Amino acid sequence: MPTTEIDTREGELRRIERWRAGELERAGYPQSAAEELAARHDIDLHFAADLLGRGCSAELALKILL
């Protein structure tokens, strides 16, 4: 795989993770937790946000998700 293709994929991945982190922060997660969750692609973004929407604290939601 050419280097430029790898760089493009890594750049796209970083953009997606920044977007996910922003969405998680808007849902109510602290920045550090949002960044940690955003990097975990096996964690469903909507499920993570819904936990807070249903009354979970960010701390409890992190225990459930991680």
PDB file of N, CA and C in Angstrom:
ATOM      1  N   MET A   1       0.854  -1.175   0.000  1.00  0.00           N
ATOM      2  CA  MET A   1       0.000   0.000   0.000  1.00  0.00           C
ATOM      3  C   MET A   1       0.901   1.239   0.000  1.00  0.00           C
ATOM      4  N   PRO A   2       0.668   2.165  -0.907  1.00  0.00           N
ATOM      5  CA  PRO A   2       1.491   3.374  -0.971  1.00  0.00           C
ATOM      6  C   PRO A   2       1.362   4.221   0.300  1.00  0.00           C
ATOM      7  N   THR A   3       2.427   4.935   0.615  1.00  0.00           N
ATOM      8  CA  THR A   3       2.462   5.769   1.813  1.00  0.00           C
ATOM      9  C   THR A   3       1.350   6.810   1.824  1.00  0.00           C
ATOM     10  N   THR A   4       1.067   7.414   0.690  1.00  0.00           N
ATOM     11  CA  THR A   4       0.017   8.447   0.654  1.00  0.00           C
ATOM     12  C   THR A   4      -1.345   7.865   0.989  1.00  0.00           C
ATOM     13  N   GLU A   5      -1.586   6.625   0.586  1.00  0.00           N
ATOM     14  CA  GLU A   5      -2.861   5.982   0.917  1.00  0.00           C
ATOM     15  C   GLU A   5      -2.956   5.721   2.417  1.00  0.00           C
ATOM     16  N   ILE A   6      -1.852   5.301   3.021  1.00  0.00           N
ATOM     17  CA  ILE A   6      -1.823   5.079   4.469  1.00  0.00           C
ATOM     18  C   ILE A   6      -2.053   6.394   5.194  1.00  0.00           C
ATOM     19  N   ASP A   7      -1.367   7.460   4.771  1.00  0.00           N
ATOM     20  CA  ASP A   7      -1.525   8.770   5.398  1.00  0.00           C
ATOM     21  C   ASP A   7      -2.962   9.259   5.289  1.00  0.00           C
ATOM     22  N   THR A   8      -3.585   9.049   4.134  1.00  0.00           N
ATOM     23  CA  THR A   8      -4.966   9.480   3.934  1.00  0.00           C
ATOM     24  C   THR A   8      -5.899   8.724   4.865  1.00  0.00           C
ATOM     25  N   ARG A   9      -5.696   7.431   4.995  1.00  0.00           N
ATOM     26  CA  ARG A   9      -6.541   6.627   5.885  1.00  0.00           C
ATOM     27  C   ARG A   9      -6.368   7.052   7.332  1.00  0.00           C
ATOM     28  N   GLU A  10      -5.125   7.303   7.754  1.00  0.00           N
ATOM     29  CA  GLU A  10      -4.880   7.739   9.126  1.00  0.00           C
ATOM     30  C   GLU A  10      -5.504   9.102   9.377  1.00  0.00           C
ATOM     31  N   GLY A  11      -5.430   9.996   8.396  1.00  0.00           N
ATOM     32  CA  GLY A  11      -6.042  11.314   8.533  1.00  0.00           C
ATOM     33  C   GLY A  11      -7.548  11.217   8.655  1.00  0.00           C
ATOM     34  N   GLU A  12      -8.149  10.361   7.865  1.00  0.00           N
ATOM     35  CA  GLU A  12      -9.600  10.148   7.919  1.00  0.00           C
ATOM     36  C   GLU A  12      -9.996   9.560   9.271  1.00  0.00           C
ATOM     37  N   LEU A  13      -9.227   8.622   9.764  1.00  0.00           N
ATOM     38  CA  LEU A  13      -9.497   8.012  11.062  1.00  0.00           C
ATOM     39  C   LEU A  13      -9.443   9.063  12.168  1.00  0.00           C
ATOM     40  N   ARG A  14      -8.457   9.935  12.134  1.00  0.00           N
ATOM     41  CA  ARG A  14      -8.348  11.001  13.144  1.00  0.00           C
ATOM     42  C   ARG A  14      -9.544  11.946  13.070  1.00  0.00           C
ATOM     43  N   ARG A  15      -9.985  12.285  11.868  1.00  0.00           N
ATOM     44  CA  ARG A  15     -11.156  13.163  11.714  1.00  0.00           C
ATOM     45  C   ARG A  15     -12.408  12.506  12.293  1.00  0.00           C
ATOM     46  N   ILE A  16     -12.560  11.229  12.032  1.00  0.00           N
ATOM     47  CA  ILE A  16     -13.717  10.504  12.568  1.00  0.00           C
ATOM     48  C   ILE A  16     -13.663  10.481  14.085  1.00  0.00           C
ATOM     49  N   GLU A  17     -12.504  10.223  14.654  1.00  0.00           N
ATOM     50  CA  GLU A  17     -12.375  10.180  16.111  1.00  0.00           C
ATOM     51  C   GLU A  17     -12.619  11.547  16.733  1.00  0.00           C
ATOM     52  N   ARG A  18     -12.179  12.618  16.083  1.00  0.00           N
ATOM     53  CA  ARG A  18     -12.457  13.969  16.601  1.00  0.00           C
ATOM     54  C   ARG A  18     -13.954  14.244  16.569  1.00  0.00           C
ATOM     55  N   TRP A  19     -14.618  13.836  15.481  1.00  0.00           N
ATOM     56  CA  TRP A  19     -16.064  14.028  15.377  1.00  0.00           C
ATOM     57  C   TRP A  19     -16.782  13.228  16.464  1.00  0.00           C
ATOM     58  N   ARG A  20     -16.383  11.968  16.647  1.00  0.00           N
ATOM     59  CA  ARG A  20     -17.005  11.128  17.681  1.00  0.00           C
ATOM     60  C   ARG A  20     -16.805  11.748  19.059  1.00  0.00           C
ATOM     61  N   ALA A  21     -15.602  12.235  19.335  1.00  0.00           N
ATOM     62  CA  ALA A  21     -15.328  12.854  20.634  1.00  0.00           C
ATOM     63  C   ALA A  21     -16.209  14.078  20.836  1.00  0.00           C
ATOM     64  N   GLY A  22     -16.371  14.892  19.815  1.00  0.00           N
ATOM     65  CA  GLY A  22     -17.234  16.065  19.915  1.00  0.00           C
ATOM     66  C   GLY A  22     -18.674  15.691  20.202  1.00  0.00           C
ATOM     67  N   GLU A  23     -19.163  14.652  19.534  1.00  0.00           N
ATOM     68  CA  GLU A  23     -20.538  14.192  19.768  1.00  0.00           C
ATOM     69  C   GLU A  23     -20.699  13.682  21.199  1.00  0.00           C
ATOM     70  N   LEU A  24     -19.707  12.977  21.687  1.00  0.00           N
ATOM     71  CA  LEU A  24     -19.774  12.452  23.051  1.00  0.00           C
ATOM     72  C   LEU A  24     -19.692  13.574  24.084  1.00  0.00           C
ATOM     73  N   GLU A  25     -18.898  14.589  23.819  1.00  0.00           N
ATOM     74  CA  GLU A  25     -18.852  15.749  24.718  1.00  0.00           C
ATOM     75  C   GLU A  25     -20.198  16.461  24.737  1.00  0.00           C
ATOM     76  N   ARG A  26     -20.812  16.631  23.571  1.00  0.00           N
ATOM     77  CA  ARG A  26     -22.133  17.266  23.508  1.00  0.00           C
ATOM     78  C   ARG A  26     -23.178  16.446  24.265  1.00  0.00           C
ATOM     79  N   ALA A  27     -22.976  15.132  24.308  1.00  0.00           N
ATOM     80  CA  ALA A  27     -23.902  14.263  25.039  1.00  0.00           C
ATOM     81  C   ALA A  27     -23.715  14.395  26.544  1.00  0.00           C
ATOM     82  N   GLY A  28     -22.526  14.911  26.965  1.00  0.00           N
ATOM     83  CA  GLY A  28     -22.304  15.125  28.389  1.00  0.00           C
ATOM     84  C   GLY A  28     -21.078  14.475  28.983  1.00  0.00           C
ATOM     85  N   TYR A  29     -20.288  13.787  28.172  1.00  0.00           N
ATOM     86  CA  TYR A  29     -19.067  13.179  28.689  1.00  0.00           C
ATOM     87  C   TYR A  29     -17.989  14.242  28.861  1.00  0.00           C
ATOM     88  N   PRO A  30     -17.167  14.124  29.911  1.00  0.00           N
ATOM     89  CA  PRO A  30     -16.004  15.013  30.028  1.00  0.00           C
ATOM     90  C   PRO A  30     -15.059  14.767  28.845  1.00  0.00           C
ATOM     91  N   GLN A  31     -14.248  15.744  28.523  1.00  0.00           N
ATOM     92  CA  GLN A  31     -13.375  15.666  27.348  1.00  0.00           C
ATOM     93  C   GLN A  31     -12.504  14.419  27.347  1.00  0.00           C
ATOM     94  N   SER A  32     -11.858  14.110  28.456  1.00  0.00           N
ATOM     95  CA  SER A  32     -10.949  12.951  28.476  1.00  0.00           C
ATOM     96  C   SER A  32     -11.707  11.647  28.237  1.00  0.00           C
ATOM     97  N   ALA A  33     -12.889  11.524  28.816  1.00  0.00           N
ATOM     98  CA  ALA A  33     -13.697  10.318  28.612  1.00  0.00           C
ATOM     99  C   ALA A  33     -14.181  10.244  27.170  1.00  0.00           C
ATOM    100  N   ALA A  34     -14.587  11.377  26.623  1.00  0.00           N
ATOM    101  CA  ALA A  34     -15.062  11.416  25.236  1.00  0.00           C
ATOM    102  C   ALA A  34     -13.953  10.989  24.282  1.00  0.00           C
ATOM    103  N   GLU A  35     -12.747  11.454  24.515  1.00  0.00           N
ATOM    104  CA  GLU A  35     -11.622  11.081  23.652  1.00  0.00           C
ATOM    105  C   GLU A  35     -11.306   9.591  23.768  1.00  0.00           C
ATOM    106  N   GLU A  36     -11.376   9.069  24.985  1.00  0.00           N
ATOM    107  CA  GLU A  36     -11.111   7.642  25.189  1.00  0.00           C
ATOM    108  C   GLU A  36     -12.162   6.789  24.474  1.00  0.00           C
ATOM    109  N   LEU A  37     -13.423   7.157  24.624  1.00  0.00           N
ATOM    110  CA  LEU A  37     -14.498   6.411  23.969  1.00  0.00           C
ATOM    111  C   LEU A  37     -14.439   6.561  22.452  1.00  0.00           C
ATOM    112  N   ALA A  38     -14.101   7.747  21.982  1.00  0.00           N
ATOM    113  CA  ALA A  38     -14.053   8.006  20.537  1.00  0.00           C
ATOM    114  C   ALA A  38     -13.029   7.123  19.842  1.00  0.00           C
ATOM    115  N   ALA A  39     -11.953   6.813  20.528  1.00  0.00           N
ATOM    116  CA  ALA A  39     -10.898   5.987  19.943  1.00  0.00           C
ATOM    117  C   ALA A  39     -11.273   4.508  19.908  1.00  0.00           C
ATOM    118  N   ARG A  40     -12.309   4.146  20.644  1.00  0.00           N
ATOM    119  CA  ARG A  40     -12.770   2.752  20.682  1.00  0.00           C
ATOM    120  C   ARG A  40     -13.870   2.558  19.653  1.00  0.00           C
ATOM    121  N   HIS A  41     -13.527   2.028  18.514  1.00  0.00           N
ATOM    122  CA  HIS A  41     -14.480   1.882  17.414  1.00  0.00           C
ATOM    123  C   HIS A  41     -15.462   0.745  17.642  1.00  0.00           C
ATOM    124  N   ASP A  42     -15.196  -0.071  18.662  1.00  0.00           N
ATOM    125  CA  ASP A  42     -16.120  -1.152  18.988  1.00  0.00           C
ATOM    126  C   ASP A  42     -17.268  -0.671  19.877  1.00  0.00           C
ATOM    127  N   ILE A  43     -17.207   0.583  20.325  1.00  0.00           N
ATOM    128  CA  ILE A  43     -18.255   1.144  21.178  1.00  0.00           C
ATOM    129  C   ILE A  43     -19.196   1.971  20.319  1.00  0.00           C
ATOM    130  N   ASP A  44     -20.475   1.639  20.387  1.00  0.00           N
ATOM    131  CA  ASP A  44     -21.489   2.339  19.603  1.00  0.00           C
ATOM    132  C   ASP A  44     -21.702   3.743  20.165  1.00  0.00           C
ATOM    133  N   LEU A  45     -21.513   4.729  19.321  1.00  0.00           N
ATOM    134  CA  LEU A  45     -21.641   6.134  19.712  1.00  0.00           C
ATOM    135  C   LEU A  45     -23.029   6.441  20.263  1.00  0.00           C
ATOM    136  N   HIS A  46     -24.059   5.971  19.591  1.00  0.00           N
ATOM    137  CA  HIS A  46     -25.428   6.269  20.019  1.00  0.00           C
ATOM    138  C   HIS A  46     -25.762   5.595  21.346  1.00  0.00           C
ATOM    139  N   PHE A  47     -25.286   4.380  21.546  1.00  0.00           N
ATOM    140  CA  PHE A  47     -25.508   3.696  22.815  1.00  0.00           C
ATOM    141  C   PHE A  47     -24.828   4.455  23.948  1.00  0.00           C
ATOM    142  N   ALA A  48     -23.598   4.903  23.706  1.00  0.00           N
ATOM    143  CA  ALA A  48     -22.860   5.655  24.721  1.00  0.00           C
ATOM    144  C   ALA A  48     -23.593   6.942  25.083  1.00  0.00           C
ATOM    145  N   ALA A  49     -24.090   7.655  24.096  1.00  0.00           N
ATOM    146  CA  ALA A  49     -24.830   8.894  24.351  1.00  0.00           C
ATOM    147  C   ALA A  49     -26.154   8.603  25.042  1.00  0.00           C
ATOM    148  N   ASP A  50     -26.827   7.535  24.635  1.00  0.00           N
ATOM    149  CA  ASP A  50     -28.116   7.181  25.239  1.00  0.00           C
ATOM    150  C   ASP A  50     -27.989   6.859  26.721  1.00  0.00           C
ATOM    151  N   LEU A  51     -26.863   6.272  27.122  1.00  0.00           N
ATOM    152  CA  LEU A  51     -26.681   5.973  28.544  1.00  0.00           C
ATOM    153  C   LEU A  51     -26.804   7.244  29.382  1.00  0.00           C
ATOM    154  N   LEU A  52     -26.172   8.314  28.925  1.00  0.00           N
ATOM    155  CA  LEU A  52     -26.270   9.578  29.665  1.00  0.00           C
ATOM    156  C   LEU A  52     -27.679  10.146  29.565  1.00  0.00           C
ATOM    157  N   GLY A  53     -28.283  10.015  28.419  1.00  0.00           N
ATOM    158  CA  GLY A  53     -29.636  10.516  28.219  1.00  0.00           C
ATOM    159  C   GLY A  53     -30.664   9.814  29.086  1.00  0.00           C
ATOM    160  N   ARG A  54     -30.348   8.609  29.500  1.00  0.00           N
ATOM    161  CA  ARG A  54     -31.264   7.843  30.347  1.00  0.00           C
ATOM    162  C   ARG A  54     -30.941   7.987  31.832  1.00  0.00           C
ATOM    163  N   GLY A  55     -29.985   8.866  32.139  1.00  0.00           N
ATOM    164  CA  GLY A  55     -29.717   9.174  33.535  1.00  0.00           C
ATOM    165  C   GLY A  55     -28.453   8.596  34.127  1.00  0.00           C
ATOM    166  N   CYS A  56     -27.680   7.837  33.365  1.00  0.00           N
ATOM    167  CA  CYS A  56     -26.406   7.320  33.878  1.00  0.00           C
ATOM    168  C   CYS A  56     -25.437   8.478  34.075  1.00  0.00           C
ATOM    169  N   SER A  57     -24.638   8.386  35.098  1.00  0.00           N
ATOM    170  CA  SER A  57     -23.540   9.341  35.221  1.00  0.00           C
ATOM    171  C   SER A  57     -22.471   8.939  34.209  1.00  0.00           C
ATOM    172  N   ALA A  58     -21.613   9.871  33.863  1.00  0.00           N
ATOM    173  CA  ALA A  58     -20.526   9.561  32.925  1.00  0.00           C
ATOM    174  C   ALA A  58     -19.632   8.468  33.505  1.00  0.00           C
ATOM    175  N   GLU A  59     -19.411   8.511  34.801  1.00  0.00           N
ATOM    176  CA  GLU A  59     -18.561   7.510  35.452  1.00  0.00           C
ATOM    177  C   GLU A  59     -19.159   6.110  35.310  1.00  0.00           C
ATOM    178  N   LEU A  60     -20.455   5.976  35.574  1.00  0.00           N
ATOM    179  CA  LEU A  60     -21.105   4.675  35.446  1.00  0.00           C
ATOM    180  C   LEU A  60     -21.138   4.227  33.986  1.00  0.00           C
ATOM    181  N   ALA A  61     -21.421   5.147  33.087  1.00  0.00           N
ATOM    182  CA  ALA A  61     -21.455   4.810  31.664  1.00  0.00           C
ATOM    183  C   ALA A  61     -20.098   4.277  31.207  1.00  0.00           C
ATOM    184  N   LEU A  62     -19.018   4.893  31.662  1.00  0.00           N
ATOM    185  CA  LEU A  62     -17.677   4.412  31.298  1.00  0.00           C
ATOM    186  C   LEU A  62     -17.443   2.997  31.810  1.00  0.00           C
ATOM    187  N   LYS A  63     -17.904   2.710  33.027  1.00  0.00           N
ATOM    188  CA  LYS A  63     -17.748   1.354  33.566  1.00  0.00           C
ATOM    189  C   LYS A  63     -18.520   0.347  32.724  1.00  0.00           C
ATOM    190  N   ILE A  64     -19.694   0.722  32.273  1.00  0.00           N
ATOM    191  CA  ILE A  64     -20.503  -0.165  31.438  1.00  0.00           C
ATOM    192  C   ILE A  64     -19.830  -0.373  30.082  1.00  0.00           C
ATOM    193  N   LEU A  65     -19.368   0.705  29.485  1.00  0.00           N
ATOM    194  CA  LEU A  65     -18.837   0.653  28.122  1.00  0.00           C
ATOM    195  C   LEU A  65     -17.440   0.054  28.027  1.00  0.00           C
ATOM    196  N   LEU A  66     -16.622   0.306  29.031  1.00  0.00           N
ATOM    197  CA  LEU A  66     -15.232  -0.163  28.969  1.00  0.00           C
ATOM    198  C   LEU A  66     -15.089  -1.451  29.751  1.00  0.00           C
TER     199      LEU A  66
END
